[in-house]
């Protein structure tokens, strides 16, 4: 399961991946009301994440690492939501993997500086979807899930090659 952290919107995307094949199982977003205090929004994110994890039973969760752009205030807000997501995954015992935006772009598009629309279109193509998932946060979450699936496959192949070489 890929998670695109936030406070207003937390995107999620659940895929099933085996070898080079992946298929989308579910995607969506957890949203919180803008007028609520931050603490209430974080509580809601935590509760909704617990429910999502309990219902979907993901084997692993891939979360985007924080990336501070020009708006530090937004980054701090996202950090609060991300903290709740990390806590909830740990509380539920789901292994957690973190990826930078450029790692996601590299895994999905093949270029670490790809544009957002390229990532979204490749996510759609790789999962054989008719259209790009909406909201954007859900598409980003699916891209994170694909990134993890591809990274794990790559790491397993490297481990298998290393094991064969040492035998």
Protein backbone atom coordinates (compact mmCIF):
# COMPACT_ATOMS: atom_id res chain seq x y z
CA UNK A 1 0.00 0.00 0.00
CA UNK A 2 1.32 3.40 -0.97
CA UNK A 3 0.50 6.41 1.18
CA UNK A 4 0.90 10.02 0.06
CA UNK A 5 0.94 11.93 3.36
CA UNK A 6 -0.85 15.17 4.09
CA UNK A 7 -3.30 16.76 6.49
CA UNK A 8 -6.12 17.92 4.22
CA UNK A 9 -5.80 14.87 1.96
CA UNK A 10 -3.96 11.58 2.49
CA UNK A 11 -3.83 9.52 -0.67
CA UNK A 12 -3.74 5.74 -0.55
CA UNK A 13 -3.27 3.11 -3.22
CA UNK A 14 -3.30 -0.65 -2.81
CA UNK A 15 -1.73 -2.83 -5.48
CA UNK A 16 -0.92 -6.48 -5.89
CA UNK A 17 2.47 -7.07 -7.44
CA UNK A 18 4.18 -10.24 -8.54
CA UNK A 19 7.36 -10.24 -10.58
CA UNK A 20 7.02 -7.49 -13.19
CA UNK A 21 3.22 -7.42 -13.08
CA UNK A 22 1.14 -5.14 -10.87
CA UNK A 23 -2.56 -4.54 -10.65
CA UNK A 24 -4.52 -1.92 -8.80
CA UNK A 25 -6.82 -3.24 -6.09
CA UNK A 26 -8.09 -0.02 -4.54
CA UNK A 27 -7.29 3.66 -4.22
CA UNK A 28 -8.75 6.74 -2.64
CA UNK A 29 -8.15 9.47 -0.13
CA UNK A 30 -8.66 10.27 3.50
CA UNK A 31 -9.82 13.87 3.77
CA UNK A 32 -10.17 16.15 6.77
CA UNK A 33 -12.29 19.24 7.16
CA UNK A 34 -10.42 22.51 6.71
CA UNK A 35 -12.00 24.28 9.70
CA UNK A 36 -11.01 21.64 12.25
CA UNK A 37 -8.10 22.21 14.62
CA UNK A 38 -4.91 20.40 13.58
CA UNK A 39 -5.17 18.00 16.54
CA UNK A 40 -8.68 16.91 15.46
CA UNK A 41 -7.52 16.42 11.87
CA UNK A 42 -4.58 14.29 13.01
CA UNK A 43 -6.87 12.20 15.21
CA UNK A 44 -9.16 11.59 12.24
CA UNK A 45 -6.21 10.62 10.02
CA UNK A 46 -5.06 8.14 12.67
CA UNK A 47 -8.49 6.57 13.04
CA UNK A 48 -9.05 6.38 9.30
CA UNK A 49 -5.58 4.88 8.74
CA UNK A 50 -6.25 2.22 11.39
CA UNK A 51 -9.54 1.35 9.70
CA UNK A 52 -7.89 1.29 6.26
CA UNK A 53 -5.05 -0.97 7.43
CA UNK A 54 -7.45 -3.29 9.24
CA UNK A 55 -9.70 -3.55 6.20
CA UNK A 56 -7.04 -3.85 3.47
CA UNK A 57 -4.39 -5.80 5.42
CA UNK A 58 -1.39 -4.59 3.39
CA UNK A 59 1.83 -6.60 3.61
CA UNK A 60 3.88 -3.37 3.57
CA UNK A 61 3.32 0.37 3.44
CA UNK A 62 5.38 2.71 1.26
CA UNK A 63 5.35 6.36 2.32
CA UNK A 64 6.85 9.38 0.64
CA UNK A 65 9.73 10.97 2.53
CA UNK A 66 9.29 14.60 3.37
CA UNK A 67 10.47 17.01 0.77
CA UNK A 68 10.54 20.69 1.71
CA UNK A 69 9.95 22.91 -1.25
CA UNK A 70 9.51 26.65 -0.94
CA UNK A 71 6.54 26.50 1.45
CA UNK A 72 7.91 25.35 4.80
CA UNK A 73 4.56 25.91 6.55
CA UNK A 74 2.90 23.33 4.30
CA UNK A 75 5.86 20.99 4.83
CA UNK A 76 5.48 21.20 8.60
CA UNK A 77 1.77 20.48 8.31
CA UNK A 78 2.46 17.45 6.09
CA UNK A 79 5.09 16.32 8.62
CA UNK A 80 2.40 16.17 11.31
CA UNK A 81 0.19 13.98 9.11
CA UNK A 82 3.15 11.83 8.10
CA UNK A 83 4.01 11.28 11.75
CA UNK A 84 0.52 9.94 12.42
CA UNK A 85 0.82 7.62 9.41
CA UNK A 86 4.21 6.28 10.55
CA UNK A 87 2.88 5.78 14.09
CA UNK A 88 -0.24 3.96 12.85
CA UNK A 89 1.73 1.61 10.58
CA UNK A 90 4.08 0.77 13.44
CA UNK A 91 1.17 0.32 15.86
CA UNK A 92 -0.51 -2.09 13.45
CA UNK A 93 2.76 -3.95 12.82
CA UNK A 94 2.94 -3.23 9.09
CA UNK A 95 6.51 -2.93 7.73
CA UNK A 96 7.20 0.57 6.50
CA UNK A 97 9.38 1.71 3.59
CA UNK A 98 10.15 5.32 2.70
CA UNK A 99 10.98 6.74 -0.72
CA UNK A 100 12.00 10.18 -1.93
CA UNK A 101 10.06 11.82 -4.76
CA UNK A 102 13.00 11.23 -7.13
CA UNK A 103 13.15 7.54 -6.21
CA UNK A 104 9.45 7.25 -7.08
CA UNK A 105 9.98 9.08 -10.38
CA UNK A 106 12.98 6.88 -11.23
CA UNK A 107 11.09 3.66 -10.45
CA UNK A 108 7.91 4.59 -12.30
CA UNK A 109 9.15 6.70 -15.23
CA UNK A 110 12.82 5.78 -15.40
CA UNK A 111 13.95 9.37 -14.83
CA UNK A 112 14.39 10.89 -11.36
CA UNK A 113 13.46 14.39 -12.51
CA UNK A 114 10.30 13.44 -14.40
CA UNK A 115 7.33 15.78 -14.28
CA UNK A 116 4.30 14.95 -12.16
CA UNK A 117 2.10 14.37 -15.23
CA UNK A 118 4.62 11.84 -16.60
CA UNK A 119 4.53 9.91 -13.30
CA UNK A 120 0.73 9.94 -13.31
CA UNK A 121 0.50 8.76 -16.91
CA UNK A 122 3.04 5.95 -16.38
CA UNK A 123 1.21 4.89 -13.21
CA UNK A 124 -1.98 4.66 -15.28
CA UNK A 125 -0.21 2.66 -17.99
CA UNK A 126 1.64 0.29 -15.65
CA UNK A 127 -1.58 -0.52 -13.79
CA UNK A 128 -3.56 -0.69 -17.05
CA UNK A 129 -6.13 1.89 -15.93
CA UNK A 130 -8.43 3.80 -18.28
CA UNK A 131 -7.67 7.15 -16.68
CA UNK A 132 -5.32 8.70 -14.16
CA UNK A 133 -6.68 8.08 -10.66
CA UNK A 134 -8.18 11.06 -8.87
CA UNK A 135 -7.50 12.82 -6.62
CA UNK A 136 -3.84 13.40 -7.46
CA UNK A 137 -2.91 12.21 -3.96
CA UNK A 138 -4.32 8.76 -4.76
CA UNK A 139 -2.35 8.61 -8.02
CA UNK A 140 0.78 9.59 -6.08
CA UNK A 141 0.07 6.83 -3.56
CA UNK A 142 -0.25 4.25 -6.34
CA UNK A 143 3.08 5.48 -7.76
CA UNK A 144 4.63 4.94 -4.31
CA UNK A 145 3.24 1.41 -4.21
CA UNK A 146 4.67 0.73 -7.68
CA UNK A 147 8.01 2.18 -6.60
CA UNK A 148 8.16 -0.21 -3.68
CA UNK A 149 7.12 -3.19 -5.77
CA UNK A 150 9.82 -2.43 -8.31
CA UNK A 151 12.45 -1.71 -5.65
CA UNK A 152 11.78 -4.95 -3.80
CA UNK A 153 11.93 -6.93 -7.03
CA UNK A 154 15.22 -5.25 -7.92
CA UNK A 155 16.66 -5.88 -4.45
CA UNK A 156 15.56 -9.52 -4.52
CA UNK A 157 17.16 -10.02 -7.92
CA UNK A 158 20.39 -8.50 -6.65
CA UNK A 159 20.30 -10.72 -3.55
CA UNK A 160 19.67 -13.81 -5.69
CA UNK A 161 22.55 -12.90 -8.03
CA UNK A 162 24.88 -12.33 -5.08
CA UNK A 163 23.85 -15.67 -3.56
CA UNK A 164 24.52 -17.49 -6.84
CA UNK A 165 27.92 -15.85 -7.15
CA UNK A 166 28.98 -16.93 -3.65
CA UNK A 167 27.95 -20.55 -4.10
